[in-house]
């Protein structure tokens, strides 16, 4: 992967490296709530956005940076 590089000049706003742990926690919570709804035989199952919010994740979004260097564009 030494030759891989970003195609667009977008970068995260905060210093958080990844949202992987946030996504894991959100999906675990979603599976737990869905499993309980199935056990209680509810006809309407919850949606992922009802159980978690992306606003609580570590990153605050992305922004376009036209001045990114070649080193910053490499993965």
C-alpha atoms as a PDB file:
ATOM      1  CA  UNK A   1       0.000   0.000   0.000  1.00  0.00           C
ATOM      2  CA  UNK A   2       3.001   2.292  -0.285  1.00  0.00           C
ATOM      3  CA  UNK A   3       1.582   3.873  -3.430  1.00  0.00           C
ATOM      4  CA  UNK A   4      -1.929   4.525  -2.139  1.00  0.00           C
ATOM      5  CA  UNK A   5      -2.963   8.128  -1.712  1.00  0.00           C
ATOM      6  CA  UNK A   6      -6.059  10.198  -1.066  1.00  0.00           C
ATOM      7  CA  UNK A   7      -7.928  11.423  -4.115  1.00  0.00           C
ATOM      8  CA  UNK A   8      -9.624  14.396  -2.435  1.00  0.00           C
ATOM      9  CA  UNK A   9      -8.179  17.032  -0.114  1.00  0.00           C
ATOM     10  CA  UNK A  10     -10.527  16.429   2.820  1.00  0.00           C
ATOM     11  CA  UNK A  11      -9.327  15.952   6.384  1.00  0.00           C
ATOM     12  CA  UNK A  12     -10.881  15.529   9.814  1.00  0.00           C
ATOM     13  CA  UNK A  13     -11.510  18.620  11.921  1.00  0.00           C
ATOM     14  CA  UNK A  14     -10.362  17.158  15.272  1.00  0.00           C
ATOM     15  CA  UNK A  15      -7.323  15.196  16.396  1.00  0.00           C
ATOM     16  CA  UNK A  16      -9.247  11.914  16.710  1.00  0.00           C
ATOM     17  CA  UNK A  17      -7.595   9.336  14.490  1.00  0.00           C
ATOM     18  CA  UNK A  18     -10.582   7.080  13.992  1.00  0.00           C
ATOM     19  CA  UNK A  19     -14.235   6.570  14.860  1.00  0.00           C
ATOM     20  CA  UNK A  20     -13.903   2.794  14.874  1.00  0.00           C
ATOM     21  CA  UNK A  21     -14.611   2.410  18.602  1.00  0.00           C
ATOM     22  CA  UNK A  22     -17.633   4.740  18.383  1.00  0.00           C
ATOM     23  CA  UNK A  23     -19.048   2.710  15.492  1.00  0.00           C
ATOM     24  CA  UNK A  24     -18.495  -0.554  17.404  1.00  0.00           C
ATOM     25  CA  UNK A  25     -20.342   0.763  20.454  1.00  0.00           C
ATOM     26  CA  UNK A  26     -23.206   2.108  18.335  1.00  0.00           C
ATOM     27  CA  UNK A  27     -23.669  -1.203  16.491  1.00  0.00           C
ATOM     28  CA  UNK A  28     -23.483  -3.242  19.699  1.00  0.00           C
ATOM     29  CA  UNK A  29     -26.176  -1.049  21.248  1.00  0.00           C
ATOM     30  CA  UNK A  30     -28.296  -1.351  18.090  1.00  0.00           C
ATOM     31  CA  UNK A  31     -28.011  -5.160  18.035  1.00  0.00           C
ATOM     32  CA  UNK A  32     -28.903  -5.366  21.735  1.00  0.00           C
ATOM     33  CA  UNK A  33     -32.008  -3.167  21.336  1.00  0.00           C
ATOM     34  CA  UNK A  34     -33.095  -5.051  18.186  1.00  0.00           C
ATOM     35  CA  UNK A  35     -32.656  -8.413  19.908  1.00  0.00           C
ATOM     36  CA  UNK A  36     -34.856  -7.284  22.796  1.00  0.00           C
ATOM     37  CA  UNK A  37     -37.515  -6.010  20.384  1.00  0.00           C
ATOM     38  CA  UNK A  38     -37.559  -9.378  18.577  1.00  0.00           C
ATOM     39  CA  UNK A  39     -37.868 -11.244  21.894  1.00  0.00           C
ATOM     40  CA  UNK A  40     -40.815  -9.031  22.886  1.00  0.00           C
ATOM     41  CA  UNK A  41     -42.333  -9.701  19.427  1.00  0.00           C
ATOM     42  CA  UNK A  42     -42.659  -6.039  18.493  1.00  0.00           C
ATOM     43  CA  UNK A  43     -43.837  -5.431  14.951  1.00  0.00           C
ATOM     44  CA  UNK A  44     -41.697  -2.306  14.395  1.00  0.00           C
ATOM     45  CA  UNK A  45     -37.955  -2.705  14.863  1.00  0.00           C
ATOM     46  CA  UNK A  46     -35.761   0.275  15.803  1.00  0.00           C
ATOM     47  CA  UNK A  47     -33.470   1.950  13.307  1.00  0.00           C
ATOM     48  CA  UNK A  48     -29.756   2.567  13.820  1.00  0.00           C
ATOM     49  CA  UNK A  49     -30.221   6.355  13.977  1.00  0.00           C
ATOM     50  CA  UNK A  50     -32.796   5.934  16.762  1.00  0.00           C
ATOM     51  CA  UNK A  51     -30.345   4.132  19.047  1.00  0.00           C
ATOM     52  CA  UNK A  52     -27.213   6.226  18.476  1.00  0.00           C
ATOM     53  CA  UNK A  53     -26.241   9.650  17.206  1.00  0.00           C
ATOM     54  CA  UNK A  54     -23.242  10.540  15.038  1.00  0.00           C
ATOM     55  CA  UNK A  55     -23.128  13.858  16.894  1.00  0.00           C
ATOM     56  CA  UNK A  56     -21.678  12.028  19.895  1.00  0.00           C
ATOM     57  CA  UNK A  57     -18.773  10.516  17.960  1.00  0.00           C
ATOM     58  CA  UNK A  58     -15.176  11.701  18.444  1.00  0.00           C
ATOM     59  CA  UNK A  59     -14.710  13.400  15.072  1.00  0.00           C
ATOM     60  CA  UNK A  60     -16.597  16.576  14.280  1.00  0.00           C
ATOM     61  CA  UNK A  61     -16.771  16.026  10.541  1.00  0.00           C
ATOM     62  CA  UNK A  62     -14.451  16.842   7.681  1.00  0.00           C
ATOM     63  CA  UNK A  63     -13.306  19.945   5.875  1.00  0.00           C
ATOM     64  CA  UNK A  64     -11.716  20.698   2.511  1.00  0.00           C
ATOM     65  CA  UNK A  65      -8.086  21.836   2.676  1.00  0.00           C
ATOM     66  CA  UNK A  66      -6.704  22.957  -0.717  1.00  0.00           C
ATOM     67  CA  UNK A  67      -3.201  23.450   0.779  1.00  0.00           C
ATOM     68  CA  UNK A  68      -2.567  19.784   1.700  1.00  0.00           C
ATOM     69  CA  UNK A  69       0.950  18.628   0.918  1.00  0.00           C
ATOM     70  CA  UNK A  70       1.854  15.447  -0.939  1.00  0.00           C
ATOM     71  CA  UNK A  71       2.857  13.812   2.374  1.00  0.00           C
ATOM     72  CA  UNK A  72      -0.544  14.599   3.910  1.00  0.00           C
ATOM     73  CA  UNK A  73      -2.275  13.099   0.863  1.00  0.00           C
ATOM     74  CA  UNK A  74      -0.544   9.711   1.352  1.00  0.00           C
ATOM     75  CA  UNK A  75      -2.394   7.125   3.433  1.00  0.00           C
END
